[in-house]
C-alpha atoms as a PDB file:
ATOM      1  CA  SER A   1      96.006-139.463 134.377  1.00  0.00           C
ATOM      2  CA  LEU A   2      94.279-138.092 137.388  1.00  0.00           C
ATOM      3  CA  LEU A   3      94.214-141.482 139.028  1.00  0.00           C
ATOM      4  CA  GLY A   4      97.653-141.921 139.997  1.00  0.00           C
ATOM      5  CA  ASP A   5      99.740-145.013 140.702  1.00  0.00           C
ATOM      6  CA  CYS A   6      98.009-147.759 142.537  1.00  0.00           C
ATOM      7  CA  VAL A   7      99.417-148.325 145.904  1.00  0.00           C
ATOM      8  CA  ARG A   8      97.737-151.321 147.031  1.00  0.00           C
ATOM      9  CA  ASP A   9      94.897-153.696 145.751  1.00  0.00           C
ATOM     10  CA  ASP A  10      94.432-156.746 147.976  1.00  0.00           C
ATOM     11  CA  ALA A  11      91.197-158.786 147.972  1.00  0.00           C
ATOM     12  CA  GLU A  12      89.526-155.420 150.364  1.00  0.00           C
ATOM     13  CA  GLN A  13      90.533-152.268 148.996  1.00  0.00           C
ATOM     14  CA  THR A  14      92.462-150.586 145.511  1.00  0.00           C
ATOM     15  CA  LEU A  15      94.506-147.413 146.324  1.00  0.00           C
ATOM     16  CA  PHE A  16      95.824-145.073 143.957  1.00  0.00           C
ATOM     17  CA  HIS A  17      97.901-141.881 145.177  1.00  0.00           C
ATOM     18  CA  SER A  18      99.191-139.369 142.966  1.00  0.00           C
ATOM     19  CA  MET A  19     100.000-135.865 143.342  1.00  0.00           C
ATOM     20  CA  LEU A  20      98.206-133.419 140.704  1.00  0.00           C
ATOM     21  CA  SER A  21      99.359-129.390 139.229  1.00  0.00           C
ATOM     22  CA  PRO A  22      96.993-127.576 136.917  1.00  0.00           C
ATOM     23  CA  ARG A  23     100.615-128.229 134.805  1.00  0.00           C
ATOM     24  CA  THR A  24     100.486-131.528 134.318  1.00  0.00           C
ATOM     25  CA  HIS A  25      97.366-132.065 134.082  1.00  0.00           C
ATOM     26  CA  TRP A  26      94.771-130.587 130.752  1.00  0.00           C
ATOM     27  CA  PRO A  27      91.466-131.596 133.701  1.00  0.00           C
ATOM     28  CA  LEU A  28      92.875-129.242 136.132  1.00  0.00           C
ATOM     29  CA  GLY A  29      95.139-126.496 133.783  1.00  0.00           C
ATOM     30  CA  GLU A  30      91.800-126.165 132.076  1.00  0.00           C
ATOM     31  CA  HIS A  31      88.572-126.241 133.983  1.00  0.00           C
ATOM     32  CA  VAL A  32      89.535-122.893 136.377  1.00  0.00           C
ATOM     33  CA  VAL A  33      87.455-120.377 138.061  1.00  0.00           C
ATOM     34  CA  ARG A  34      87.928-117.239 136.537  1.00  0.00           C
ATOM     35  CA  GLY A  35      91.008-115.083 138.754  1.00  0.00           C
ATOM     36  CA  GLY A  36      91.711-118.476 140.899  1.00  0.00           C
ATOM     37  CA  GLN A  37      92.308-121.924 141.838  1.00  0.00           C
ATOM     38  CA  ALA A  38      92.364-124.475 139.130  1.00  0.00           C
ATOM     39  CA  VAL A  39      88.994-127.916 139.975  1.00  0.00           C
ATOM     40  CA  ILE A  40      88.654-130.880 139.323  1.00  0.00           C
ATOM     41  CA  PRO A  41      85.256-131.008 137.433  1.00  0.00           C
ATOM     42  CA  GLY A  42      82.674-132.869 138.789  1.00  0.00           C
ATOM     43  CA  THR A  43      82.972-134.871 135.756  1.00  0.00           C
ATOM     44  CA  GLY A  44      86.715-136.007 136.444  1.00  0.00           C
ATOM     45  CA  PHE A  45      85.457-137.411 140.461  1.00  0.00           C
ATOM     46  CA  LEU A  46      82.682-140.105 138.061  1.00  0.00           C
ATOM     47  CA  GLU A  47      85.563-140.352 135.723  1.00  0.00           C
ATOM     48  CA  LEU A  48      87.992-141.989 139.129  1.00  0.00           C
ATOM     49  CA  ALA A  49      84.983-143.372 140.323  1.00  0.00           C
ATOM     50  CA  ARG A  50      85.028-145.431 137.090  1.00  0.00           C
ATOM     51  CA  ALA A  51      88.231-145.687 136.281  1.00  0.00           C
ATOM     52  CA  ALA A  52      88.971-147.259 140.463  1.00  0.00           C
ATOM     53  CA  LEU A  53      86.775-150.674 139.790  1.00  0.00           C
ATOM     54  CA  ALA A  54      88.372-150.574 136.063  1.00  0.00           C
ATOM     55  CA  TYR A  55      91.596-151.426 137.410  1.00  0.00           C
ATOM     56  CA  ARG A  56      90.750-154.312 137.807  1.00  0.00           C
ATOM     57  CA  SER A  57      88.176-154.806 134.553  1.00  0.00           C
ATOM     58  CA  GLU A  58      84.893-157.493 134.831  1.00  0.00           C
ATOM     59  CA  GLY A  59      84.494-156.201 131.327  1.00  0.00           C
ATOM     60  CA  ARG A  60      80.232-155.303 132.624  1.00  0.00           C
ATOM     61  CA  PRO A  61      78.321-152.101 133.216  1.00  0.00           C
ATOM     62  CA  ILE A  62      79.870-150.233 136.544  1.00  0.00           C
ATOM     63  CA  GLU A  63      76.960-148.669 138.696  1.00  0.00           C
ATOM     64  CA  ILE A  64      78.116-145.654 140.527  1.00  0.00           C
ATOM     65  CA  ARG A  65      76.075-145.270 142.909  1.00  0.00           C
ATOM     66  CA  ASP A  66      74.876-142.097 146.029  1.00  0.00           C
ATOM     67  CA  LEU A  67      77.873-140.041 145.031  1.00  0.00           C
ATOM     68  CA  VAL A  68      77.929-136.881 146.730  1.00  0.00           C
ATOM     69  CA  PHE A  69      80.468-133.423 145.841  1.00  0.00           C
ATOM     70  CA  LEU A  70      80.780-132.734 149.752  1.00  0.00           C
ATOM     71  CA  GLN A  71      84.326-130.129 148.824  1.00  0.00           C
ATOM     72  CA  PRO A  72      86.424-128.771 145.737  1.00  0.00           C
ATOM     73  CA  PHE A  73      89.314-129.928 145.077  1.00  0.00           C
ATOM     74  CA  ALA A  74      91.427-126.933 144.283  1.00  0.00           C
ATOM     75  CA  VAL A  75      94.969-126.490 143.966  1.00  0.00           C
ATOM     76  CA  GLY A  76      96.357-122.945 142.692  1.00  0.00           C
ATOM     77  CA  PRO A  77      98.618-122.289 140.011  1.00  0.00           C
ATOM     78  CA  ASP A  78     101.732-123.217 140.743  1.00  0.00           C
ATOM     79  CA  GLU A  79     101.038-125.912 143.011  1.00  0.00           C
ATOM     80  CA  THR A  80     100.622-129.980 143.491  1.00  0.00           C
ATOM     81  CA  ARG A  81      97.970-131.301 145.289  1.00  0.00           C
ATOM     82  CA  ALA A  82      97.979-134.791 146.255  1.00  0.00           C
ATOM     83  CA  LEU A  83      95.044-137.063 145.673  1.00  0.00           C
ATOM     84  CA  ASN A  84      94.157-140.063 146.870  1.00  0.00           C
ATOM     85  CA  ILE A  85      91.186-142.881 145.972  1.00  0.00           C
ATOM     86  CA  GLY A  86      90.510-145.388 148.265  1.00  0.00           C
ATOM     87  CA  LEU A  87      87.798-148.387 146.797  1.00  0.00           C
ATOM     88  CA  ARG A  88      86.111-150.476 149.374  1.00  0.00           C
ATOM     89  CA  ARG A  89      86.182-153.934 147.248  1.00  0.00           C
ATOM     90  CA  GLU A  90      84.557-156.309 149.540  1.00  0.00           C
ATOM     91  CA  GLY A  91      80.699-155.190 151.601  1.00  0.00           C
ATOM     92  CA  ASP A  92      78.940-151.485 150.039  1.00  0.00           C
ATOM     93  CA  HIS A  93      81.795-151.107 148.016  1.00  0.00           C
ATOM     94  CA  SER A  94      82.299-147.951 149.485  1.00  0.00           C
ATOM     95  CA  LEU A  95      84.676-145.646 147.553  1.00  0.00           C
ATOM     96  CA  VAL A  96      86.233-142.057 148.892  1.00  0.00           C
ATOM     97  CA  ILE A  97      87.958-139.961 146.874  1.00  0.00           C
ATOM     98  CA  TYR A  98      90.128-137.677 149.484  1.00  0.00           C
ATOM     99  CA  GLY A  99      93.300-135.066 149.877  1.00  0.00           C
ATOM    100  CA  ASP A 100      95.768-135.519 153.796  1.00  0.00           C
ATOM    101  CA  SER A 101      92.554-137.095 154.920  1.00  0.00           C
ATOM    102  CA  GLU A 102      90.226-138.946 154.585  1.00  0.00           C
ATOM    103  CA  GLU A 103      88.253-138.105 156.893  1.00  0.00           C
ATOM    104  CA  GLN A 104      87.306-134.481 155.072  1.00  0.00           C
ATOM    105  CA  PRO A 105      87.067-136.150 151.163  1.00  0.00           C
ATOM    106  CA  TYR A 106      86.153-134.345 148.420  1.00  0.00           C
ATOM    107  CA  ALA A 107      83.351-136.705 147.253  1.00  0.00           C
ATOM    108  CA  THR A 108      81.889-140.797 148.492  1.00  0.00           C
ATOM    109  CA  ALA A 109      80.316-142.981 145.954  1.00  0.00           C
ATOM    110  CA  ARG A 110      79.148-146.315 145.772  1.00  0.00           C
ATOM    111  CA  VAL A 111      80.409-148.578 142.433  1.00  0.00           C
ATOM    112  CA  ALA A 112      80.019-151.677 141.896  1.00  0.00           C
ATOM    113  CA  TYR A 113      80.020-154.211 138.924  1.00  0.00           C
ATOM    114  CA  GLY A 114      76.165-154.472 137.432  1.00  0.00           C
ATOM    115  CA  ASP A 115      73.954-156.613 135.634  1.00  0.00           C
ATOM    116  CA  ALA A 116      71.522-154.497 134.709  1.00  0.00           C
ATOM    117  CA  PRO A 117      69.790-154.357 131.634  1.00  0.00           C
ATOM    118  CA  ALA A 118      69.943-151.553 129.009  1.00  0.00           C
ATOM    119  CA  GLY A 119      67.695-148.665 129.477  1.00  0.00           C
ATOM    120  CA  PRO A 120      65.263-148.504 126.706  1.00  0.00           C
ATOM    121  CA  ARG A 121      66.517-147.362 122.924  1.00  0.00           C
ATOM    122  CA  GLN A 122      65.509-143.194 122.787  1.00  0.00           C
ATOM    123  CA  SER A 123      64.959-142.282 118.980  1.00  0.00           C
ATOM    124  CA  VAL A 124      67.524-139.047 118.942  1.00  0.00           C
ATOM    125  CA  SER A 125      65.395-137.520 115.867  1.00  0.00           C
ATOM    126  CA  ALA A 126      63.360-137.978 118.615  1.00  0.00           C
ATOM    127  CA  ILE A 127      64.949-135.793 121.579  1.00  0.00           C
ATOM    128  CA  ARG A 128      65.193-133.210 118.779  1.00  0.00           C
ATOM    129  CA  ALA A 129      62.249-133.528 117.543  1.00  0.00           C
ATOM    130  CA  ARG A 130      60.980-131.970 121.072  1.00  0.00           C
ATOM    131  CA  CYS A 131      63.634-129.902 122.250  1.00  0.00           C
ATOM    132  CA  ARG A 132      63.848-127.258 119.615  1.00  0.00           C
ATOM    133  CA  GLU A 133      64.941-124.519 121.953  1.00  0.00           C
ATOM    134  CA  ARG A 134      68.419-123.031 121.035  1.00  0.00           C
ATOM    135  CA  GLY A 135      71.140-122.630 124.018  1.00  0.00           C
ATOM    136  CA  GLU A 136      73.489-120.217 123.645  1.00  0.00           C
ATOM    137  CA  VAL A 137      77.123-121.341 122.630  1.00  0.00           C
ATOM    138  CA  MET A 138      80.259-119.455 122.276  1.00  0.00           C
ATOM    139  CA  ASN A 139      82.935-120.699 120.269  1.00  0.00           C
ATOM    140  CA  GLY A 140      82.532-124.095 121.474  1.00  0.00           C
ATOM    141  CA  ASN A 141      81.708-123.989 125.151  1.00  0.00           C
ATOM    142  CA  LEU A 142      78.301-123.098 127.103  1.00  0.00           C
ATOM    143  CA  VAL A 143      79.205-119.349 128.212  1.00  0.00           C
ATOM    144  CA  GLN A 144      80.018-119.286 132.134  1.00  0.00           C
ATOM    145  CA  ASN A 145      81.765-116.010 133.469  1.00  0.00           C
ATOM    146  CA  PHE A 146      82.760-117.105 136.068  1.00  0.00           C
ATOM    147  CA  MET A 147      85.097-119.972 134.542  1.00  0.00           C
ATOM    148  CA  ASP A 148      88.023-120.244 132.925  1.00  0.00           C
ATOM    149  CA  PHE A 149      88.366-123.225 130.278  1.00  0.00           C
ATOM    150  CA  GLY A 150      91.335-125.449 127.585  1.00  0.00           C
ATOM    151  CA  PRO A 151      90.441-125.768 123.959  1.00  0.00           C
ATOM    152  CA  ARG A 152      89.624-129.120 125.302  1.00  0.00           C
ATOM    153  CA  TRP A 153      86.011-127.919 126.001  1.00  0.00           C
ATOM    154  CA  ALA A 154      85.791-126.443 123.574  1.00  0.00           C
ATOM    155  CA  ASN A 155      83.891-128.900 121.910  1.00  0.00           C
ATOM    156  CA  ILE A 156      79.883-128.195 122.362  1.00  0.00           C
ATOM    157  CA  GLN A 157      78.945-128.236 118.651  1.00  0.00           C
ATOM    158  CA  ALA A 158      74.945-127.112 119.404  1.00  0.00           C
ATOM    159  CA  ILE A 159      72.669-127.356 122.407  1.00  0.00           C
ATOM    160  CA  HIS A 160      69.118-127.885 121.825  1.00  0.00           C
ATOM    161  CA  LEU A 161      66.478-127.027 125.107  1.00  0.00           C
ATOM    162  CA  GLY A 162      63.442-129.042 125.322  1.00  0.00           C
ATOM    163  CA  GLN A 163      60.020-128.923 128.478  1.00  0.00           C
ATOM    164  CA  SER A 164      62.583-131.063 131.279  1.00  0.00           C
ATOM    165  CA  GLU A 165      65.138-132.230 128.378  1.00  0.00           C
ATOM    166  CA  ALA A 166      67.911-130.919 126.914  1.00  0.00           C
ATOM    167  CA  LEU A 167      70.404-132.265 123.182  1.00  0.00           C
ATOM    168  CA  ILE A 168      73.784-131.407 123.075  1.00  0.00           C
ATOM    169  CA  ASP A 169      76.281-132.244 120.084  1.00  0.00           C
ATOM    170  CA  LEU A 170      80.470-132.379 121.077  1.00  0.00           C
ATOM    171  CA  ALA A 171      82.517-132.621 119.180  1.00  0.00           C
ATOM    172  CA  LEU A 172      86.580-133.742 120.365  1.00  0.00           C
ATOM    173  CA  PRO A 173      88.256-131.317 119.032  1.00  0.00           C
ATOM    174  CA  ALA A 174      90.933-133.374 115.819  1.00  0.00           C
ATOM    175  CA  SER A 175      94.123-132.459 117.918  1.00  0.00           C
ATOM    176  CA  PHE A 176      93.082-134.201 121.325  1.00  0.00           C
ATOM    177  CA  ALA A 177      91.449-137.099 119.631  1.00  0.00           C
ATOM    178  CA  ALA A 178      94.573-138.835 121.766  1.00  0.00           C
ATOM    179  CA  ASP A 179      92.861-138.352 124.720  1.00  0.00           C
END
């Protein structure tokens, strides 16, 4: 897990620490800038925010607000880097994801449990009917010549594009169902 070990958990703050490497953590090892370093994808930061709050589960919806990506968490192929996640449990429920110094964060957000009602239900078939143009998919991946993706990313069945909306059919390869 990217979240790592919980090193502090009290009424004020929960703090996690991990040592990450592309060789041992697939979200890094399978998301590499072509010819360069592995980077945590944006959705990886969302998952870190969700998992940090859910460490103390309340069984309610989680709301992530004001998420700001400040710099990439990049790691060379043979490197290991520290990642820390601090969540303030009181006040503004601020979250900071950083390496060696909290003063140079990778991402910040506010994360809290909410009681917001579910949004209006959407009909997938109605969205699909509006999205008539097909997006380009190559071997289950988006066509992005600047990234090298691992096998877990080869999950795109189809992309349907419409006017200011899109519908993407995803299916995780069966060999990774345990993930």
